[in-house]
Amino acid sequence: MKILVFGASRGTGLLCVERALALGHSVVAVSRNADTIAVNHESLTKLNGDFNNKESVTQAVKQVVPDAVIISVGAKSLKIFKDNPNFFSAGTECVISALRTCAPNARLVILSAMGTKTSGTRQNYPWILRTFLLDWILAGPFDDHERQEEMVKASGLNWTIALPSGLTDYPASGKSLRETDPTKRVPLWIARDDVAQFLVEACTSLEWQGKSVTLGG
C-alpha cells in the first residue's frame, strides 16, 4: 500500500512513517523541511510540502495518488492558533479537496484528540481538566479539531478519526484500548507509538472505516 503522511517530521507522524515502513508499505512523508525527517529507507520518499497550502497539498496528492493518507500534523506552539485558528481544519480541507479530485477511493485517517465536543468524548476527562485544560489553555486547538472532525465526516471519503487521550513518549504497550462508543472510558494517557500503530492499521482495516475511535493506553 502507498501511504502519504502529513506531519511526518516528528512526533506521532514520524512514528507512523516508521511503523508503515516496518509493515512493508511504501511511504511518502511530507514536511515543510523534508530533509529533517530522521528516517531513511528504500521504500520512503521525502517530499517538501505545506499542509496549509492548497496548491502544495494538491501537488503532493496528485504526484503520489495514495491508497491512504494519514494527517498527523501537530502544532509546535499554541501561538499558531492565534495567528491561524484554522490550522488543523484548513489543512484538512486542502487534503479532502485534493483526494476528491485525485484519489477519491483513498483512506483518510485523521489524528484528532479525545475530549472534542463533536466526538462526545469530553466527559472522559475529569471536570477540572475539562475546565482548565480543554476550555481554557487548549481551547484553540480543540475548537479547530472539532471543525476538522465535522469536515472529515461530511467529506464523503473513507475516513477514520483517532481520538487519543494524553500523549506520552513512553514505549508502545501494544495493549491500548480502542473504543467506538464515546461513553466508554479509557485511560487518560497513551504512548504515541501505540497511536501510530493504530493510525497505520486504520489505513488497511475495514473495522474502523467511517468511525471515530477513542484510544487510551
Protein backbone atom coordinates (compact mmCIF):
# COMPACT_ATOMS: atom_id res chain seq x y z
CA MET A 1 0.00 0.00 0.00
CA LYS A 2 1.13 3.54 -0.75
CA ILE A 3 0.64 5.79 2.30
CA LEU A 4 1.03 9.57 2.28
CA VAL A 5 1.80 11.07 5.70
CA PHE A 6 1.35 14.75 6.54
CA GLY A 7 3.19 15.88 9.65
CA ALA A 8 5.89 13.28 9.16
CA SER A 9 8.93 15.07 10.55
CA ARG A 10 8.39 14.47 14.26
CA GLY A 11 6.17 13.06 16.99
CA THR A 12 3.37 10.70 16.11
CA GLY A 13 3.71 11.38 12.39
CA LEU A 14 7.33 10.22 12.34
CA LEU A 15 6.36 7.10 14.27
CA CYS A 16 3.66 6.44 11.64
CA VAL A 17 6.32 6.56 8.96
CA GLU A 18 8.47 4.05 10.85
CA ARG A 19 5.51 1.76 11.58
CA ALA A 20 4.29 1.78 7.97
CA LEU A 21 7.75 1.03 6.59
CA ALA A 22 8.19 -1.84 9.05
CA LEU A 23 4.97 -3.36 7.72
CA GLY A 24 6.22 -3.20 4.13
CA HIS A 25 4.20 -0.21 2.93
CA SER A 26 5.53 2.38 0.51
CA VAL A 27 5.55 5.72 2.33
CA VAL A 28 5.68 9.31 1.13
CA ALA A 29 6.47 11.60 4.06
CA VAL A 30 5.51 15.26 3.69
CA SER A 31 7.03 18.07 5.71
CA ARG A 32 7.96 21.71 5.18
CA ASN A 33 11.56 20.61 5.67
CA ALA A 34 11.56 17.02 4.46
CA ASP A 35 15.33 16.70 4.81
CA THR A 36 14.88 16.80 8.59
CA ILE A 37 12.87 13.57 8.60
CA ALA A 38 15.15 11.28 10.58
CA VAL A 39 14.39 8.05 8.72
CA ASN A 40 15.97 6.57 5.62
CA HIS A 41 14.54 3.58 3.80
CA GLU A 42 14.34 2.29 0.24
CA SER A 43 10.54 2.45 0.43
CA LEU A 44 10.45 6.01 1.78
CA THR A 45 10.15 9.17 -0.30
CA LYS A 46 10.60 12.52 1.44
CA LEU A 47 8.59 15.35 -0.03
CA ASN A 48 8.67 19.06 0.78
CA GLY A 49 5.14 20.37 1.23
CA ASP A 50 2.99 22.78 3.21
CA PHE A 51 -0.09 21.23 4.81
CA ASN A 52 -1.83 24.62 4.83
CA ASN A 53 -1.15 25.44 1.19
CA LYS A 54 -3.80 24.09 -1.20
CA GLU A 55 -1.52 24.05 -4.24
CA SER A 56 1.23 22.27 -2.32
CA VAL A 57 -1.15 19.63 -0.94
CA THR A 58 -2.84 19.08 -4.31
CA GLN A 59 0.54 18.64 -6.00
CA ALA A 60 1.60 16.06 -3.40
CA VAL A 61 -1.61 14.03 -3.69
CA LYS A 62 -1.58 14.23 -7.49
CA GLN A 63 2.05 13.12 -7.62
CA VAL A 64 1.62 10.21 -5.23
CA VAL A 65 -2.01 9.08 -5.87
CA PRO A 66 -2.02 7.38 -2.46
CA ASP A 67 -4.04 4.42 -1.25
CA ALA A 68 -4.25 6.07 2.16
CA VAL A 69 -3.46 9.43 3.75
CA ILE A 70 -2.57 9.98 7.40
CA ILE A 71 -2.90 13.51 8.81
CA SER A 72 -0.81 13.62 11.97
CA VAL A 73 0.08 17.29 11.98
CA GLY A 74 0.97 18.87 15.31
CA ALA A 75 1.34 22.49 16.30
CA LYS A 76 4.76 23.48 17.62
CA SER A 77 3.18 26.03 19.95
CA LEU A 78 -0.23 27.40 20.91
CA LYS A 79 0.74 30.69 19.29
CA ILE A 80 -0.01 29.09 15.94
CA PHE A 81 -3.74 29.19 16.75
CA LYS A 82 -3.62 32.92 17.45
CA ASP A 83 -2.15 33.51 14.00
CA ASN A 84 -4.14 30.76 12.27
CA PRO A 85 -7.12 29.48 14.32
CA ASN A 86 -7.95 27.04 11.48
CA PHE A 87 -4.52 25.41 11.38
CA PHE A 88 -5.86 21.81 11.51
CA SER A 89 -9.13 22.29 9.66
CA ALA A 90 -7.82 24.45 6.81
CA GLY A 91 -5.06 21.96 6.04
CA THR A 92 -7.51 19.08 6.26
CA GLU A 93 -9.80 20.89 3.83
CA CYS A 94 -6.88 21.08 1.38
CA VAL A 95 -6.32 17.33 1.70
CA ILE A 96 -10.01 16.49 1.28
CA SER A 97 -10.25 18.63 -1.83
CA ALA A 98 -7.16 17.02 -3.35
CA LEU A 99 -8.36 13.48 -2.57
CA ARG A 100 -11.77 14.11 -4.12
CA THR A 101 -10.03 15.12 -7.33
CA CYS A 102 -7.03 12.82 -7.48
CA ALA A 103 -7.66 9.79 -5.22
CA PRO A 104 -11.34 9.55 -4.20
CA ASN A 105 -11.05 5.94 -3.07
CA ALA A 106 -8.12 6.54 -0.73
CA ARG A 107 -8.50 6.02 3.01
CA LEU A 108 -8.26 9.19 5.10
CA VAL A 109 -7.01 8.73 8.66
CA ILE A 110 -7.03 11.76 10.96
CA LEU A 111 -5.33 12.34 14.29
CA SER A 112 -7.65 14.43 16.47
CA ALA A 113 -7.93 14.24 20.27
CA MET A 114 -10.13 12.77 22.97
CA GLY A 115 -12.24 15.49 24.53
CA THR A 116 -13.68 17.20 21.46
CA LYS A 117 -17.36 18.13 21.75
CA THR A 118 -18.13 16.74 18.30
CA SER A 119 -16.89 13.26 19.28
CA GLY A 120 -18.89 13.10 22.51
CA THR A 121 -15.77 12.10 24.47
CA ARG A 122 -15.41 15.24 26.59
CA GLN A 123 -16.87 13.58 29.69
CA ASN A 124 -13.93 11.17 29.76
CA TYR A 125 -11.84 13.90 31.38
CA PRO A 126 -12.38 14.99 34.99
CA TRP A 127 -14.16 18.31 35.44
CA ILE A 128 -11.00 20.18 36.41
CA LEU A 129 -9.18 19.07 33.25
CA ARG A 130 -12.16 19.94 31.05
CA THR A 131 -12.45 23.38 32.60
CA PHE A 132 -8.84 24.48 32.82
CA LEU A 133 -7.17 22.45 30.10
CA LEU A 134 -9.69 21.90 27.30
CA ASP A 135 -11.86 25.02 27.75
CA TRP A 136 -9.06 27.44 28.55
CA ILE A 137 -5.44 26.52 27.83
CA LEU A 138 -6.14 24.28 24.81
CA ALA A 139 -9.36 25.94 23.65
CA GLY A 140 -7.84 26.98 20.30
CA PRO A 141 -6.62 23.59 19.12
CA PHE A 142 -9.69 21.76 20.44
CA ASP A 143 -12.09 24.15 18.72
CA ASP A 144 -10.20 23.57 15.49
CA HIS A 145 -10.12 19.79 15.93
CA GLU A 146 -13.91 19.97 16.18
CA ARG A 147 -14.11 21.83 12.87
CA GLN A 148 -11.70 19.28 11.42
CA GLU A 149 -13.81 16.32 12.56
CA GLU A 150 -17.05 17.78 11.16
CA MET A 151 -15.33 18.41 7.84
CA VAL A 152 -13.98 14.85 7.61
CA LYS A 153 -17.34 13.27 8.46
CA ALA A 154 -19.03 15.30 5.73
CA SER A 155 -16.30 14.62 3.15
CA GLY A 156 -17.83 11.54 1.54
CA LEU A 157 -14.42 9.85 1.75
CA ASN A 158 -13.44 6.62 3.50
CA TRP A 159 -12.41 8.15 6.81
CA THR A 160 -11.29 7.19 10.30
CA ILE A 161 -10.79 9.66 13.15
CA ALA A 162 -8.44 8.76 16.00
CA LEU A 163 -9.16 10.35 19.40
CA PRO A 164 -6.22 9.58 21.69
CA SER A 165 -6.03 10.63 25.30
CA GLY A 166 -2.92 12.47 26.55
CA LEU A 167 0.16 11.53 24.52
CA THR A 168 3.37 10.29 26.13
CA ASP A 169 6.76 9.34 24.73
CA TYR A 170 6.83 6.03 26.61
CA PRO A 171 7.46 2.84 24.59
CA ALA A 172 4.41 1.29 22.96
CA SER A 173 2.49 -1.08 25.23
CA GLY A 174 0.75 -2.88 22.38
CA LYS A 175 -2.29 -3.13 24.67
CA SER A 176 -4.09 0.14 24.03
CA LEU A 177 -7.87 0.29 24.34
CA ARG A 178 -9.88 1.23 21.24
CA GLU A 179 -13.48 2.28 21.74
CA THR A 180 -16.04 3.40 19.16
CA ASP A 181 -18.59 4.12 21.90
CA PRO A 182 -17.75 7.66 23.11
CA THR A 183 -19.24 6.95 26.53
CA LYS A 184 -16.72 4.18 27.21
CA ARG A 185 -13.85 5.45 29.35
CA VAL A 186 -10.21 4.78 28.52
CA PRO A 187 -7.00 5.61 30.42
CA LEU A 188 -6.06 9.30 30.30
CA TRP A 189 -2.63 8.58 28.76
CA ILE A 190 -1.34 6.65 25.79
CA ALA A 191 2.06 6.20 24.15
CA ARG A 192 2.49 7.99 20.83
CA ASP A 193 3.78 4.79 19.31
CA ASP A 194 0.54 2.98 20.21
CA VAL A 195 -1.36 5.78 18.47
CA ALA A 196 0.89 5.49 15.42
CA GLN A 197 0.24 1.75 15.33
CA PHE A 198 -3.50 2.42 15.21
CA LEU A 199 -3.23 5.11 12.53
CA VAL A 200 -1.29 2.81 10.22
CA GLU A 201 -3.59 -0.10 10.94
CA ALA A 202 -6.62 2.07 10.12
CA CYS A 203 -5.22 2.60 6.63
CA THR A 204 -5.96 -1.03 5.77
CA SER A 205 -8.58 -2.28 8.23
CA LEU A 206 -12.28 -2.07 7.38
CA GLU A 207 -13.07 -2.34 11.10
CA TRP A 208 -12.52 1.36 11.69
CA GLN A 209 -13.91 2.76 8.44
CA GLY A 210 -16.35 5.62 9.00
CA LYS A 211 -15.72 5.60 12.75
CA SER A 212 -14.31 7.86 15.43
CA VAL A 213 -12.17 5.75 17.76
CA THR A 214 -11.16 6.71 21.29
CA LEU A 215 -7.67 5.50 22.22
CA GLY A 216 -6.19 5.06 25.69
CA GLY A 217 -3.09 3.28 26.96
